[in-house]
Amino acid sequence: MNENPEIQNVAAAAALAAQQAGQALIVDVREPAEFAAERIAGALNLPLSTFDPSSLLAVVDPARVIFQCGSGMRSMKAVVACRLSGLPADRHLAGGIGAWKAAGLPVIRIDPATGQPA
């Protein structure tokens, strides 16, 4: 569990509600292969391995971002990188896509063999 007050843990249902209301953009910081295999609909992929916090400014108001990864570790690192860069992004999906799926929320899955939805 995150104990850093500068990082807001967002539950899966709250992230979905914010996304659907147009109040948030989910930014997936997993690697492209992970994103290609399974992702949250509408998420933007900015892999942590090449993440530049300033890249958010070209896409979205950083304050609207909810970072997401597989379990919540990489997304917290993305928040920290933004905070160190002076950007107001401070939210991440607690538990990552694993928590999203555990909450019964939909994901897009692609069969790697066919490239088609699974």
N, C-alpha and C. Protein backbone atom coordinates (compact mmCIF):
# COMPACT_ATOMS: atom_id res chain seq x y z
N MET A 1 0.84 -1.19 0.00
CA MET A 1 0.00 0.00 0.00
C MET A 1 0.88 1.24 0.00
N ASN A 2 0.47 2.22 -0.76
CA ASN A 2 1.22 3.46 -0.88
C ASN A 2 1.00 4.34 0.35
N GLU A 3 2.08 4.81 0.95
CA GLU A 3 1.98 5.70 2.10
C GLU A 3 2.49 7.10 1.77
N ASN A 4 2.79 7.38 0.52
CA ASN A 4 3.28 8.68 0.09
C ASN A 4 2.09 9.60 -0.15
N PRO A 5 1.96 10.69 0.61
CA PRO A 5 0.80 11.57 0.45
C PRO A 5 0.77 12.31 -0.87
N GLU A 6 1.89 12.32 -1.60
CA GLU A 6 1.92 12.98 -2.90
C GLU A 6 1.44 12.07 -4.01
N ILE A 7 1.15 10.82 -3.70
CA ILE A 7 0.65 9.88 -4.70
C ILE A 7 -0.75 9.43 -4.27
N GLN A 8 -1.72 9.68 -5.13
CA GLN A 8 -3.09 9.28 -4.84
C GLN A 8 -3.37 7.91 -5.44
N ASN A 9 -3.81 6.98 -4.60
CA ASN A 9 -4.24 5.67 -5.06
C ASN A 9 -5.68 5.81 -5.55
N VAL A 10 -5.95 5.39 -6.77
CA VAL A 10 -7.28 5.45 -7.33
C VAL A 10 -7.78 4.02 -7.53
N ALA A 11 -8.94 3.72 -6.98
CA ALA A 11 -9.53 2.40 -7.14
C ALA A 11 -10.01 2.23 -8.58
N ALA A 12 -10.08 0.98 -9.03
CA ALA A 12 -10.46 0.69 -10.41
C ALA A 12 -11.80 1.31 -10.80
N ALA A 13 -12.81 1.15 -9.97
CA ALA A 13 -14.13 1.69 -10.30
C ALA A 13 -14.10 3.21 -10.41
N ALA A 14 -13.34 3.86 -9.54
CA ALA A 14 -13.23 5.32 -9.58
C ALA A 14 -12.48 5.77 -10.83
N ALA A 15 -11.46 5.01 -11.24
CA ALA A 15 -10.71 5.33 -12.45
C ALA A 15 -11.61 5.21 -13.68
N LEU A 16 -12.40 4.15 -13.73
CA LEU A 16 -13.32 3.97 -14.84
C LEU A 16 -14.34 5.10 -14.89
N ALA A 17 -14.90 5.45 -13.74
CA ALA A 17 -15.89 6.53 -13.69
C ALA A 17 -15.29 7.85 -14.16
N ALA A 18 -14.07 8.16 -13.73
CA ALA A 18 -13.40 9.40 -14.13
C ALA A 18 -13.11 9.38 -15.63
N GLN A 19 -12.68 8.23 -16.14
CA GLN A 19 -12.40 8.10 -17.56
C GLN A 19 -13.69 8.30 -18.37
N GLN A 20 -14.77 7.65 -17.97
CA GLN A 20 -16.03 7.74 -18.69
C GLN A 20 -16.63 9.15 -18.64
N ALA A 21 -16.36 9.87 -17.56
CA ALA A 21 -16.87 11.23 -17.41
C ALA A 21 -15.99 12.26 -18.13
N GLY A 22 -14.89 11.79 -18.74
CA GLY A 22 -13.98 12.70 -19.42
C GLY A 22 -13.11 13.50 -18.47
N GLN A 23 -13.01 13.05 -17.22
CA GLN A 23 -12.24 13.75 -16.21
C GLN A 23 -10.83 13.18 -16.05
N ALA A 24 -10.54 12.09 -16.75
CA ALA A 24 -9.23 11.45 -16.61
C ALA A 24 -8.85 10.73 -17.89
N LEU A 25 -7.55 10.67 -18.11
CA LEU A 25 -6.98 9.85 -19.17
C LEU A 25 -6.10 8.82 -18.49
N ILE A 26 -6.34 7.55 -18.78
CA ILE A 26 -5.51 6.50 -18.21
C ILE A 26 -4.27 6.36 -19.10
N VAL A 27 -3.11 6.46 -18.47
CA VAL A 27 -1.83 6.33 -19.17
C VAL A 27 -1.17 5.05 -18.67
N ASP A 28 -1.06 4.09 -19.56
CA ASP A 28 -0.48 2.78 -19.27
C ASP A 28 1.02 2.86 -19.47
N VAL A 29 1.79 2.61 -18.42
CA VAL A 29 3.25 2.72 -18.50
C VAL A 29 3.94 1.36 -18.66
N ARG A 30 3.16 0.33 -19.01
CA ARG A 30 3.77 -0.97 -19.29
C ARG A 30 4.44 -0.92 -20.66
N GLU A 31 5.21 -1.93 -20.96
CA GLU A 31 5.91 -2.01 -22.24
C GLU A 31 4.93 -2.28 -23.38
N PRO A 32 5.30 -1.90 -24.62
CA PRO A 32 4.38 -2.06 -25.75
C PRO A 32 3.81 -3.47 -25.93
N ALA A 33 4.61 -4.50 -25.71
CA ALA A 33 4.11 -5.87 -25.87
C ALA A 33 3.03 -6.18 -24.83
N GLU A 34 3.21 -5.70 -23.61
CA GLU A 34 2.19 -5.91 -22.57
C GLU A 34 0.90 -5.18 -22.96
N PHE A 35 1.06 -3.95 -23.41
CA PHE A 35 -0.08 -3.13 -23.81
C PHE A 35 -0.80 -3.76 -24.99
N ALA A 36 -0.04 -4.28 -25.96
CA ALA A 36 -0.64 -4.89 -27.15
C ALA A 36 -1.45 -6.14 -26.79
N ALA A 37 -0.98 -6.89 -25.82
CA ALA A 37 -1.65 -8.14 -25.45
C ALA A 37 -2.93 -7.91 -24.66
N GLU A 38 -2.93 -6.89 -23.82
CA GLU A 38 -4.09 -6.65 -22.95
C GLU A 38 -4.03 -5.22 -22.44
N ARG A 39 -5.16 -4.51 -22.57
CA ARG A 39 -5.17 -3.12 -22.15
C ARG A 39 -6.56 -2.66 -21.79
N ILE A 40 -6.58 -1.53 -21.12
CA ILE A 40 -7.83 -0.86 -20.78
C ILE A 40 -8.23 -0.01 -21.98
N ALA A 41 -9.47 -0.13 -22.41
CA ALA A 41 -9.95 0.64 -23.55
C ALA A 41 -9.75 2.13 -23.29
N GLY A 42 -9.23 2.82 -24.29
CA GLY A 42 -9.02 4.26 -24.18
C GLY A 42 -7.71 4.67 -23.53
N ALA A 43 -6.95 3.70 -23.03
CA ALA A 43 -5.67 4.03 -22.38
C ALA A 43 -4.63 4.41 -23.43
N LEU A 44 -3.73 5.28 -23.03
CA LEU A 44 -2.60 5.71 -23.85
C LEU A 44 -1.36 5.00 -23.33
N ASN A 45 -0.53 4.47 -24.23
CA ASN A 45 0.67 3.75 -23.81
C ASN A 45 1.89 4.66 -23.89
N LEU A 46 2.50 4.94 -22.73
CA LEU A 46 3.77 5.67 -22.62
C LEU A 46 4.65 4.83 -21.71
N PRO A 47 5.42 3.88 -22.27
CA PRO A 47 6.21 2.96 -21.45
C PRO A 47 7.16 3.66 -20.48
N LEU A 48 7.20 3.16 -19.26
CA LEU A 48 8.06 3.74 -18.24
C LEU A 48 9.53 3.70 -18.66
N SER A 49 9.92 2.67 -19.41
CA SER A 49 11.33 2.53 -19.81
C SER A 49 11.82 3.70 -20.66
N THR A 50 10.91 4.39 -21.33
CA THR A 50 11.28 5.54 -22.17
C THR A 50 10.49 6.79 -21.78
N PHE A 51 9.88 6.76 -20.61
CA PHE A 51 8.96 7.82 -20.20
C PHE A 51 9.68 9.14 -19.93
N ASP A 52 9.17 10.19 -20.56
CA ASP A 52 9.63 11.55 -20.33
C ASP A 52 8.40 12.32 -19.85
N PRO A 53 8.37 12.75 -18.59
CA PRO A 53 7.19 13.43 -18.07
C PRO A 53 6.70 14.59 -18.94
N SER A 54 7.61 15.28 -19.58
CA SER A 54 7.19 16.41 -20.40
C SER A 54 6.37 15.98 -21.61
N SER A 55 6.45 14.69 -21.98
CA SER A 55 5.66 14.19 -23.11
C SER A 55 4.16 14.27 -22.83
N LEU A 56 3.79 14.29 -21.57
CA LEU A 56 2.37 14.41 -21.22
C LEU A 56 1.79 15.73 -21.68
N LEU A 57 2.60 16.77 -21.64
CA LEU A 57 2.12 18.11 -21.95
C LEU A 57 1.60 18.22 -23.38
N ALA A 58 2.12 17.40 -24.29
CA ALA A 58 1.67 17.42 -25.67
C ALA A 58 0.34 16.70 -25.86
N VAL A 59 -0.06 15.91 -24.86
CA VAL A 59 -1.23 15.05 -25.01
C VAL A 59 -2.40 15.46 -24.12
N VAL A 60 -2.10 15.83 -22.89
CA VAL A 60 -3.17 16.00 -21.90
C VAL A 60 -2.68 16.90 -20.76
N ASP A 61 -3.60 17.49 -20.05
CA ASP A 61 -3.27 18.19 -18.82
C ASP A 61 -2.80 17.12 -17.83
N PRO A 62 -1.56 17.19 -17.37
CA PRO A 62 -1.04 16.15 -16.47
C PRO A 62 -1.92 15.92 -15.22
N ALA A 63 -2.63 16.92 -14.78
CA ALA A 63 -3.48 16.76 -13.60
C ALA A 63 -4.64 15.80 -13.87
N ARG A 64 -4.96 15.54 -15.15
CA ARG A 64 -6.05 14.62 -15.50
C ARG A 64 -5.59 13.17 -15.60
N VAL A 65 -4.30 12.92 -15.56
CA VAL A 65 -3.75 11.59 -15.79
C VAL A 65 -3.93 10.67 -14.59
N ILE A 66 -4.29 9.43 -14.89
CA ILE A 66 -4.22 8.33 -13.91
C ILE A 66 -3.27 7.31 -14.54
N PHE A 67 -2.10 7.14 -13.95
CA PHE A 67 -1.14 6.17 -14.46
C PHE A 67 -1.57 4.77 -14.09
N GLN A 68 -1.22 3.82 -14.96
CA GLN A 68 -1.60 2.43 -14.75
C GLN A 68 -0.49 1.53 -15.26
N CYS A 69 -0.28 0.42 -14.57
CA CYS A 69 0.69 -0.58 -15.03
C CYS A 69 0.11 -1.96 -14.73
N GLY A 70 0.96 -2.93 -14.46
CA GLY A 70 0.48 -4.27 -14.17
C GLY A 70 0.02 -4.44 -12.74
N SER A 71 0.79 -3.89 -11.80
CA SER A 71 0.47 -4.10 -10.39
C SER A 71 0.42 -2.82 -9.55
N GLY A 72 0.90 -1.73 -10.10
CA GLY A 72 0.92 -0.46 -9.37
C GLY A 72 2.30 0.06 -9.05
N MET A 73 3.33 -0.73 -9.30
CA MET A 73 4.69 -0.29 -8.98
C MET A 73 5.23 0.71 -10.02
N ARG A 74 5.14 0.35 -11.29
CA ARG A 74 5.66 1.25 -12.33
C ARG A 74 4.84 2.53 -12.41
N SER A 75 3.54 2.42 -12.17
CA SER A 75 2.70 3.63 -12.23
C SER A 75 3.09 4.60 -11.11
N MET A 76 3.44 4.08 -9.94
CA MET A 76 3.91 4.97 -8.87
C MET A 76 5.22 5.65 -9.28
N LYS A 77 6.10 4.92 -9.96
CA LYS A 77 7.35 5.51 -10.42
C LYS A 77 7.09 6.62 -11.43
N ALA A 78 6.08 6.46 -12.27
CA ALA A 78 5.73 7.51 -13.24
C ALA A 78 5.23 8.75 -12.51
N VAL A 79 4.43 8.55 -11.46
CA VAL A 79 3.96 9.69 -10.67
C VAL A 79 5.15 10.42 -10.05
N VAL A 80 6.07 9.67 -9.47
CA VAL A 80 7.25 10.28 -8.85
C VAL A 80 8.05 11.07 -9.89
N ALA A 81 8.23 10.51 -11.08
CA ALA A 81 8.96 11.21 -12.14
C ALA A 81 8.27 12.53 -12.49
N CYS A 82 6.95 12.50 -12.57
CA CYS A 82 6.20 13.73 -12.86
C CYS A 82 6.36 14.75 -11.75
N ARG A 83 6.24 14.30 -10.52
CA ARG A 83 6.36 15.21 -9.38
C ARG A 83 7.76 15.84 -9.34
N LEU A 84 8.79 15.05 -9.61
CA LEU A 84 10.15 15.57 -9.63
C LEU A 84 10.37 16.57 -10.76
N SER A 85 9.55 16.44 -11.82
CA SER A 85 9.63 17.37 -12.96
C SER A 85 8.73 18.58 -12.78
N GLY A 86 8.03 18.63 -11.64
CA GLY A 86 7.16 19.76 -11.36
C GLY A 86 5.79 19.67 -11.99
N LEU A 87 5.44 18.51 -12.52
CA LEU A 87 4.11 18.33 -13.13
C LEU A 87 3.10 17.89 -12.07
N PRO A 88 1.84 18.30 -12.22
CA PRO A 88 0.84 17.99 -11.20
C PRO A 88 0.21 16.60 -11.29
N ALA A 89 0.76 15.70 -12.07
CA ALA A 89 0.23 14.33 -12.13
C ALA A 89 0.53 13.64 -10.81
N ASP A 90 -0.51 13.17 -10.13
CA ASP A 90 -0.28 12.55 -8.81
C ASP A 90 -1.14 11.32 -8.56
N ARG A 91 -1.80 10.79 -9.61
CA ARG A 91 -2.70 9.65 -9.40
C ARG A 91 -2.23 8.41 -10.15
N HIS A 92 -2.47 7.27 -9.53
CA HIS A 92 -2.21 6.00 -10.21
C HIS A 92 -3.27 4.99 -9.82
N LEU A 93 -3.48 4.02 -10.70
CA LEU A 93 -4.45 2.97 -10.48
C LEU A 93 -3.88 1.98 -9.47
N ALA A 94 -4.41 1.99 -8.28
CA ALA A 94 -3.94 1.09 -7.23
C ALA A 94 -4.13 -0.36 -7.67
N GLY A 95 -3.05 -1.12 -7.68
CA GLY A 95 -3.13 -2.53 -8.06
C GLY A 95 -3.05 -2.77 -9.55
N GLY A 96 -2.96 -1.71 -10.33
CA GLY A 96 -2.78 -1.82 -11.78
C GLY A 96 -3.91 -2.54 -12.49
N ILE A 97 -3.59 -3.04 -13.68
CA ILE A 97 -4.60 -3.72 -14.49
C ILE A 97 -5.09 -4.99 -13.79
N GLY A 98 -4.25 -5.55 -12.91
CA GLY A 98 -4.69 -6.72 -12.14
C GLY A 98 -5.88 -6.39 -11.26
N ALA A 99 -5.84 -5.24 -10.59
CA ALA A 99 -6.96 -4.81 -9.76
C ALA A 99 -8.18 -4.47 -10.62
N TRP A 100 -7.92 -3.88 -11.79
CA TRP A 100 -8.99 -3.55 -12.73
C TRP A 100 -9.76 -4.82 -13.11
N LYS A 101 -9.01 -5.87 -13.48
CA LYS A 101 -9.64 -7.14 -13.86
C LYS A 101 -10.32 -7.80 -12.67
N ALA A 102 -9.69 -7.73 -11.49
CA ALA A 102 -10.27 -8.32 -10.29
C ALA A 102 -11.60 -7.66 -9.93
N ALA A 103 -11.75 -6.39 -10.32
CA ALA A 103 -12.99 -5.67 -10.06
C ALA A 103 -14.05 -6.00 -11.12
N GLY A 104 -13.70 -6.86 -12.06
CA GLY A 104 -14.64 -7.27 -13.10
C GLY A 104 -14.80 -6.25 -14.22
N LEU A 105 -13.85 -5.33 -14.33
CA LEU A 105 -13.94 -4.30 -15.37
C LEU A 105 -13.34 -4.83 -16.67
N PRO A 106 -13.83 -4.32 -17.80
CA PRO A 106 -13.42 -4.87 -19.10
C PRO A 106 -12.02 -4.47 -19.54
N VAL A 107 -11.38 -5.38 -20.26
CA VAL A 107 -10.10 -5.11 -20.90
C VAL A 107 -10.18 -5.57 -22.35
N ILE A 108 -9.32 -5.03 -23.15
CA ILE A 108 -9.18 -5.48 -24.53
C ILE A 108 -8.05 -6.48 -24.55
N ARG A 109 -8.32 -7.70 -25.04
CA ARG A 109 -7.29 -8.73 -25.12
C ARG A 109 -7.07 -9.08 -26.59
N ILE A 110 -5.82 -9.23 -26.96
CA ILE A 110 -5.45 -9.59 -28.32
C ILE A 110 -4.70 -10.92 -28.30
N ASP A 111 -5.11 -11.84 -29.15
CA ASP A 111 -4.44 -13.13 -29.26
C ASP A 111 -3.12 -12.90 -30.00
N PRO A 112 -1.98 -13.17 -29.35
CA PRO A 112 -0.68 -12.90 -29.99
C PRO A 112 -0.47 -13.72 -31.26
N ALA A 113 -1.08 -14.88 -31.36
CA ALA A 113 -0.88 -15.74 -32.54
C ALA A 113 -1.59 -15.19 -33.77
N THR A 114 -2.77 -14.59 -33.55
CA THR A 114 -3.56 -14.13 -34.68
C THR A 114 -3.60 -12.61 -34.81
N GLY A 115 -3.31 -11.91 -33.72
CA GLY A 115 -3.41 -10.45 -33.74
C GLY A 115 -4.86 -9.98 -33.66
N GLN A 116 -5.75 -10.89 -33.40
CA GLN A 116 -7.18 -10.60 -33.35
C GLN A 116 -7.66 -10.54 -31.90
N PRO A 117 -8.77 -9.83 -31.63
CA PRO A 117 -9.31 -9.82 -30.26
C PRO A 117 -9.53 -11.24 -29.75
N ALA A 118 -9.16 -11.47 -28.51
CA ALA A 118 -9.30 -12.79 -27.90
C ALA A 118 -10.64 -12.91 -27.19
